[in-house]
Amino acid sequence: MKPAEVKKLSNDDLKGEATRLRRELFDLRCQLTTEKVADNSRIGKTRKDLARVLTEQNSRKGANAAGGKK
């Protein structure tokens, strides 16, 4: 997922995407312990996607908080 795609998502979509990515990361870690992961790079890609989503959520929270105080 590219940063431009993340910025287009609504707040509710960001929450859903974060939940989905956390679940996928959990599943990949479970597969890693049982040695069933076909592509190890998916773990890193999923972590980065989750970080992008969480960063966008936090920046929106900061923008809303700063905008409301003016």
PDB file of N, CA and C in Angstrom:
ATOM      1  N   MET A   1       0.843  -1.167   0.000  1.00  0.00           N
ATOM      2  CA  MET A   1       0.000   0.000   0.000  1.00  0.00           C
ATOM      3  C   MET A   1       0.893   1.237   0.000  1.00  0.00           C
ATOM      4  N   LYS A   2       0.589   2.136  -0.903  1.00  0.00           N
ATOM      5  CA  LYS A   2       1.402   3.340  -1.035  1.00  0.00           C
ATOM      6  C   LYS A   2       0.853   4.447  -0.141  1.00  0.00           C
ATOM      7  N   PRO A   3       1.710   5.395   0.246  1.00  0.00           N
ATOM      8  CA  PRO A   3       1.258   6.493   1.113  1.00  0.00           C
ATOM      9  C   PRO A   3       0.086   7.280   0.525  1.00  0.00           C
ATOM     10  N   ALA A   4       0.060   7.451  -0.787  1.00  0.00           N
ATOM     11  CA  ALA A   4      -1.052   8.171  -1.415  1.00  0.00           C
ATOM     12  C   ALA A   4      -2.365   7.417  -1.230  1.00  0.00           C
ATOM     13  N   GLU A   5      -2.314   6.100  -1.280  1.00  0.00           N
ATOM     14  CA  GLU A   5      -3.517   5.288  -1.078  1.00  0.00           C
ATOM     15  C   GLU A   5      -4.009   5.413   0.358  1.00  0.00           C
ATOM     16  N   VAL A   6      -3.078   5.482   1.299  1.00  0.00           N
ATOM     17  CA  VAL A   6      -3.445   5.588   2.711  1.00  0.00           C
ATOM     18  C   VAL A   6      -4.123   6.924   2.986  1.00  0.00           C
ATOM     19  N   LYS A   7      -3.627   7.990   2.368  1.00  0.00           N
ATOM     20  CA  LYS A   7      -4.184   9.320   2.598  1.00  0.00           C
ATOM     21  C   LYS A   7      -5.598   9.459   2.062  1.00  0.00           C
ATOM     22  N   LYS A   8      -5.964   8.651   1.071  1.00  0.00           N
ATOM     23  CA  LYS A   8      -7.298   8.702   0.484  1.00  0.00           C
ATOM     24  C   LYS A   8      -8.348   8.020   1.363  1.00  0.00           C
ATOM     25  N   LEU A   9      -7.921   7.179   2.300  1.00  0.00           N
ATOM     26  CA  LEU A   9      -8.860   6.423   3.133  1.00  0.00           C
ATOM     27  C   LEU A   9      -9.516   7.333   4.170  1.00  0.00           C
ATOM     28  N   SER A  10     -10.757   7.007   4.512  1.00  0.00           N
ATOM     29  CA  SER A  10     -11.447   7.743   5.572  1.00  0.00           C
ATOM     30  C   SER A  10     -10.953   7.239   6.928  1.00  0.00           C
ATOM     31  N   ASN A  11     -11.353   7.925   7.990  1.00  0.00           N
ATOM     32  CA  ASN A  11     -10.919   7.530   9.335  1.00  0.00           C
ATOM     33  C   ASN A  11     -11.394   6.122   9.676  1.00  0.00           C
ATOM     34  N   ASP A  12     -12.648   5.798   9.319  1.00  0.00           N
ATOM     35  CA  ASP A  12     -13.171   4.458   9.603  1.00  0.00           C
ATOM     36  C   ASP A  12     -12.428   3.398   8.798  1.00  0.00           C
ATOM     37  N   ASP A  13     -12.111   3.735   7.558  1.00  0.00           N
ATOM     38  CA  ASP A  13     -11.357   2.789   6.730  1.00  0.00           C
ATOM     39  C   ASP A  13      -9.961   2.563   7.284  1.00  0.00           C
ATOM     40  N   LEU A  14      -9.355   3.620   7.829  1.00  0.00           N
ATOM     41  CA  LEU A  14      -8.028   3.477   8.433  1.00  0.00           C
ATOM     42  C   LEU A  14      -8.068   2.535   9.627  1.00  0.00           C
ATOM     43  N   LYS A  15      -9.111   2.653  10.454  1.00  0.00           N
ATOM     44  CA  LYS A  15      -9.238   1.748  11.609  1.00  0.00           C
ATOM     45  C   LYS A  15      -9.384   0.307  11.146  1.00  0.00           C
ATOM     46  N   GLY A  16     -10.221   0.102  10.145  1.00  0.00           N
ATOM     47  CA  GLY A  16     -10.426  -1.246   9.616  1.00  0.00           C
ATOM     48  C   GLY A  16      -9.172  -1.819   8.995  1.00  0.00           C
ATOM     49  N   GLU A  17      -8.455  -0.979   8.275  1.00  0.00           N
ATOM     50  CA  GLU A  17      -7.213  -1.419   7.637  1.00  0.00           C
ATOM     51  C   GLU A  17      -6.163  -1.759   8.688  1.00  0.00           C
ATOM     52  N   ALA A  18      -6.078  -0.964   9.756  1.00  0.00           N
ATOM     53  CA  ALA A  18      -5.114  -1.244  10.828  1.00  0.00           C
ATOM     54  C   ALA A  18      -5.439  -2.585  11.485  1.00  0.00           C
ATOM     55  N   THR A  19      -6.711  -2.832  11.724  1.00  0.00           N
ATOM     56  CA  THR A  19      -7.120  -4.107  12.320  1.00  0.00           C
ATOM     57  C   THR A  19      -6.782  -5.267  11.400  1.00  0.00           C
ATOM     58  N   ARG A  20      -7.054  -5.103  10.108  1.00  0.00           N
ATOM     59  CA  ARG A  20      -6.767  -6.161   9.144  1.00  0.00           C
ATOM     60  C   ARG A  20      -5.271  -6.440   9.069  1.00  0.00           C
ATOM     61  N   LEU A  21      -4.460  -5.386   9.065  1.00  0.00           N
ATOM     62  CA  LEU A  21      -3.004  -5.569   8.977  1.00  0.00           C
ATOM     63  C   LEU A  21      -2.432  -6.192  10.243  1.00  0.00           C
ATOM     64  N   ARG A  22      -2.984  -5.830  11.399  1.00  0.00           N
ATOM     65  CA  ARG A  22      -2.525  -6.464  12.651  1.00  0.00           C
ATOM     66  C   ARG A  22      -2.829  -7.955  12.634  1.00  0.00           C
ATOM     67  N   ARG A  23      -4.014  -8.306  12.149  1.00  0.00           N
ATOM     68  CA  ARG A  23      -4.403  -9.721  12.079  1.00  0.00           C
ATOM     69  C   ARG A  23      -3.504 -10.475  11.101  1.00  0.00           C
ATOM     70  N   GLU A  24      -3.236  -9.847   9.953  1.00  0.00           N
ATOM     71  CA  GLU A  24      -2.368 -10.478   8.964  1.00  0.00           C
ATOM     72  C   GLU A  24      -0.965 -10.679   9.516  1.00  0.00           C
ATOM     73  N   LEU A  25      -0.458  -9.695  10.240  1.00  0.00           N
ATOM     74  CA  LEU A  25       0.867  -9.805  10.844  1.00  0.00           C
ATOM     75  C   LEU A  25       0.899 -10.926  11.879  1.00  0.00           C
ATOM     76  N   PHE A  26      -0.162 -11.036  12.677  1.00  0.00           N
ATOM     77  CA  PHE A  26      -0.261 -12.118  13.657  1.00  0.00           C
ATOM     78  C   PHE A  26      -0.243 -13.474  12.956  1.00  0.00           C
ATOM     79  N   ASP A  27      -1.043 -13.589  11.893  1.00  0.00           N
ATOM     80  CA  ASP A  27      -1.096 -14.852  11.149  1.00  0.00           C
ATOM     81  C   ASP A  27       0.256 -15.203  10.536  1.00  0.00           C
ATOM     82  N   LEU A  28       0.937 -14.200  10.003  1.00  0.00           N
ATOM     83  CA  LEU A  28       2.258 -14.452   9.415  1.00  0.00           C
ATOM     84  C   LEU A  28       3.258 -14.895  10.472  1.00  0.00           C
ATOM     85  N   ARG A  29       3.194 -14.294  11.648  1.00  0.00           N
ATOM     86  CA  ARG A  29       4.105 -14.711  12.720  1.00  0.00           C
ATOM     87  C   ARG A  29       3.811 -16.136  13.165  1.00  0.00           C
ATOM     88  N   CYS A  30       2.541 -16.496  13.213  1.00  0.00           N
ATOM     89  CA  CYS A  30       2.183 -17.878  13.567  1.00  0.00           C
ATOM     90  C   CYS A  30       2.690 -18.846  12.507  1.00  0.00           C
ATOM     91  N   GLN A  31       2.545 -18.468  11.243  1.00  0.00           N
ATOM     92  CA  GLN A  31       3.039 -19.318  10.166  1.00  0.00           C
ATOM     93  C   GLN A  31       4.559 -19.430  10.202  1.00  0.00           C
ATOM     94  N   LEU A  32       5.207 -18.363  10.627  1.00  0.00           N
ATOM     95  CA  LEU A  32       6.666 -18.368  10.703  1.00  0.00           C
ATOM     96  C   LEU A  32       7.156 -19.385  11.734  1.00  0.00           C
ATOM     97  N   THR A  33       6.450 -19.481  12.856  1.00  0.00           N
ATOM     98  CA  THR A  33       6.866 -20.428  13.890  1.00  0.00           C
ATOM     99  C   THR A  33       6.634 -21.869  13.455  1.00  0.00           C
ATOM    100  N   THR A  34       5.617 -22.081  12.619  1.00  0.00           N
ATOM    101  CA  THR A  34       5.356 -23.438  12.139  1.00  0.00           C
ATOM    102  C   THR A  34       6.021 -23.688  10.791  1.00  0.00           C
ATOM    103  N   GLU A  35       6.837 -22.711  10.348  1.00  0.00           N
ATOM    104  CA  GLU A  35       7.615 -22.824   9.113  1.00  0.00           C
ATOM    105  C   GLU A  35       6.742 -23.036   7.875  1.00  0.00           C
ATOM    106  N   LYS A  36       5.611 -22.317   7.816  1.00  0.00           N
ATOM    107  CA  LYS A  36       4.721 -22.433   6.666  1.00  0.00           C
ATOM    108  C   LYS A  36       4.686 -21.158   5.823  1.00  0.00           C
ATOM    109  N   VAL A  37       5.544 -20.203   6.118  1.00  0.00           N
ATOM    110  CA  VAL A  37       5.550 -18.961   5.361  1.00  0.00           C
ATOM    111  C   VAL A  37       6.275 -19.183   4.041  1.00  0.00           C
ATOM    112  N   ALA A  38       5.578 -18.882   2.947  1.00  0.00           N
ATOM    113  CA  ALA A  38       6.189 -19.061   1.636  1.00  0.00           C
ATOM    114  C   ALA A  38       7.078 -17.879   1.277  1.00  0.00           C
ATOM    115  N   ASP A  39       6.706 -16.674   1.745  1.00  0.00           N
ATOM    116  CA  ASP A  39       7.448 -15.466   1.392  1.00  0.00           C
ATOM    117  C   ASP A  39       7.719 -14.665   2.664  1.00  0.00           C
ATOM    118  N   ASN A  40       8.934 -14.722   3.149  1.00  0.00           N
ATOM    119  CA  ASN A  40       9.294 -14.028   4.386  1.00  0.00           C
ATOM    120  C   ASN A  40       9.205 -12.520   4.265  1.00  0.00           C
ATOM    121  N   SER A  41       9.326 -11.987   3.082  1.00  0.00           N
ATOM    122  CA  SER A  41       9.298 -10.533   2.900  1.00  0.00           C
ATOM    123  C   SER A  41       7.915  -9.951   3.179  1.00  0.00           C
ATOM    124  N   ARG A  42       6.879 -10.776   3.174  1.00  0.00           N
ATOM    125  CA  ARG A  42       5.525 -10.287   3.469  1.00  0.00           C
ATOM    126  C   ARG A  42       5.424  -9.729   4.886  1.00  0.00           C
ATOM    127  N   ILE A  43       6.212 -10.265   5.813  1.00  0.00           N
ATOM    128  CA  ILE A  43       6.183  -9.784   7.191  1.00  0.00           C
ATOM    129  C   ILE A  43       6.646  -8.328   7.240  1.00  0.00           C
ATOM    130  N   GLY A  44       7.752  -8.036   6.605  1.00  0.00           N
ATOM    131  CA  GLY A  44       8.272  -6.678   6.571  1.00  0.00           C
ATOM    132  C   GLY A  44       7.342  -5.717   5.851  1.00  0.00           C
ATOM    133  N   LYS A  45       6.771  -6.177   4.738  1.00  0.00           N
ATOM    134  CA  LYS A  45       5.841  -5.328   3.978  1.00  0.00           C
ATOM    135  C   LYS A  45       4.594  -5.023   4.796  1.00  0.00           C
ATOM    136  N   THR A  46       4.101  -6.007   5.519  1.00  0.00           N
ATOM    137  CA  THR A  46       2.912  -5.807   6.340  1.00  0.00           C
ATOM    138  C   THR A  46       3.208  -4.850   7.481  1.00  0.00           C
ATOM    139  N   ARG A  47       4.379  -4.975   8.089  1.00  0.00           N
ATOM    140  CA  ARG A  47       4.762  -4.057   9.171  1.00  0.00           C
ATOM    141  C   ARG A  47       4.838  -2.621   8.668  1.00  0.00           C
ATOM    142  N   LYS A  48       5.405  -2.434   7.489  1.00  0.00           N
ATOM    143  CA  LYS A  48       5.524  -1.091   6.928  1.00  0.00           C
ATOM    144  C   LYS A  48       4.159  -0.514   6.567  1.00  0.00           C
ATOM    145  N   ASP A  49       3.279  -1.352   6.016  1.00  0.00           N
ATOM    146  CA  ASP A  49       1.923  -0.889   5.708  1.00  0.00           C
ATOM    147  C   ASP A  49       1.192  -0.476   6.975  1.00  0.00           C
ATOM    148  N   LEU A  50       1.336  -1.268   8.031  1.00  0.00           N
ATOM    149  CA  LEU A  50       0.700  -0.943   9.301  1.00  0.00           C
ATOM    150  C   LEU A  50       1.256   0.374   9.846  1.00  0.00           C
ATOM    151  N   ALA A  51       2.560   0.562   9.725  1.00  0.00           N
ATOM    152  CA  ALA A  51       3.170   1.808  10.193  1.00  0.00           C
ATOM    153  C   ALA A  51       2.640   3.005   9.407  1.00  0.00           C
ATOM    154  N   ARG A  52       2.444   2.845   8.104  1.00  0.00           N
ATOM    155  CA  ARG A  52       1.890   3.936   7.292  1.00  0.00           C
ATOM    156  C   ARG A  52       0.486   4.305   7.744  1.00  0.00           C
ATOM    157  N   VAL A  53      -0.327   3.282   7.990  1.00  0.00           N
ATOM    158  CA  VAL A  53      -1.709   3.518   8.417  1.00  0.00           C
ATOM    159  C   VAL A  53      -1.736   4.205   9.781  1.00  0.00           C
ATOM    160  N   LEU A  54      -0.935   3.719  10.716  1.00  0.00           N
ATOM    161  CA  LEU A  54      -0.913   4.305  12.059  1.00  0.00           C
ATOM    162  C   LEU A  54      -0.358   5.730  12.038  1.00  0.00           C
ATOM    163  N   THR A  55       0.617   5.980  11.184  1.00  0.00           N
ATOM    164  CA  THR A  55       1.173   7.324  11.063  1.00  0.00           C
ATOM    165  C   THR A  55       0.119   8.286  10.541  1.00  0.00           C
ATOM    166  N   GLU A  56      -0.649   7.858   9.564  1.00  0.00           N
ATOM    167  CA  GLU A  56      -1.709   8.719   9.022  1.00  0.00           C
ATOM    168  C   GLU A  56      -2.788   8.972  10.078  1.00  0.00           C
ATOM    169  N   GLN A  57      -3.142   7.946  10.845  1.00  0.00           N
ATOM    170  CA  GLN A  57      -4.126   8.127  11.920  1.00  0.00           C
ATOM    171  C   GLN A  57      -3.628   9.156  12.927  1.00  0.00           C
ATOM    172  N   ASN A  58      -2.377   9.038  13.341  1.00  0.00           N
ATOM    173  CA  ASN A  58      -1.823   9.957  14.328  1.00  0.00           C
ATOM    174  C   ASN A  58      -1.703  11.372  13.786  1.00  0.00           C
ATOM    175  N   SER A  59      -1.364  11.518  12.523  1.00  0.00           N
ATOM    176  CA  SER A  59      -1.251  12.864  11.956  1.00  0.00           C
ATOM    177  C   SER A  59      -2.624  13.521  11.858  1.00  0.00           C
ATOM    178  N   ARG A  60      -3.647  12.733  11.572  1.00  0.00           N
ATOM    179  CA  ARG A  60      -5.005  13.291  11.529  1.00  0.00           C
ATOM    180  C   ARG A  60      -5.482  13.686  12.916  1.00  0.00           C
ATOM    181  N   LYS A  61      -5.149  12.890  13.911  1.00  0.00           N
ATOM    182  CA  LYS A  61      -5.510  13.244  15.290  1.00  0.00           C
ATOM    183  C   LYS A  61      -4.827  14.529  15.701  1.00  0.00           C
ATOM    184  N   GLY A  62      -3.557  14.671  15.353  1.00  0.00           N
ATOM    185  CA  GLY A  62      -2.804  15.876  15.687  1.00  0.00           C
ATOM    186  C   GLY A  62      -3.347  17.095  14.973  1.00  0.00           C
ATOM    187  N   ALA A  63      -3.753  16.925  13.715  1.00  0.00           N
ATOM    188  CA  ALA A  63      -4.294  18.036  12.947  1.00  0.00           C
ATOM    189  C   ALA A  63      -5.644  18.460  13.515  1.00  0.00           C
ATOM    190  N   ASN A  64      -6.447  17.484  13.923  1.00  0.00           N
ATOM    191  CA  ASN A  64      -7.757  17.808  14.507  1.00  0.00           C
ATOM    192  C   ASN A  64      -7.602  18.512  15.851  1.00  0.00           C
ATOM    193  N   ALA A  65      -6.658  18.058  16.663  1.00  0.00           N
ATOM    194  CA  ALA A  65      -6.453  18.662  17.970  1.00  0.00           C
ATOM    195  C   ALA A  65      -5.896  20.081  17.831  1.00  0.00           C
ATOM    196  N   ALA A  66      -4.972  20.269  16.924  1.00  0.00           N
ATOM    197  CA  ALA A  66      -4.386  21.582  16.726  1.00  0.00           C
ATOM    198  C   ALA A  66      -5.385  22.539  16.091  1.00  0.00           C
ATOM    199  N   GLY A  67      -6.192  22.019  15.175  1.00  0.00           N
ATOM    200  CA  GLY A  67      -7.187  22.862  14.509  1.00  0.00           C
ATOM    201  C   GLY A  67      -8.308  23.273  15.434  1.00  0.00           C
ATOM    202  N   GLY A  68      -8.632  22.449  16.401  1.00  0.00           N
ATOM    203  CA  GLY A  68      -9.721  22.753  17.320  1.00  0.00           C
ATOM    204  C   GLY A  68      -9.357  23.775  18.367  1.00  0.00           C
ATOM    205  N   LYS A  69      -8.072  23.959  18.658  1.00  0.00           N
ATOM    206  CA  LYS A  69      -7.633  24.887  19.692  1.00  0.00           C
ATOM    207  C   LYS A  69      -7.523  26.320  19.206  1.00  0.00           C
ATOM    208  N   LYS A  70      -7.524  26.511  17.896  1.00  0.00           N
ATOM    209  CA  LYS A  70      -7.347  27.867  17.351  1.00  0.00           C
ATOM    210  C   LYS A  70      -8.575  28.712  17.524  1.00  0.00           C
TER     211      LYS A  70
END
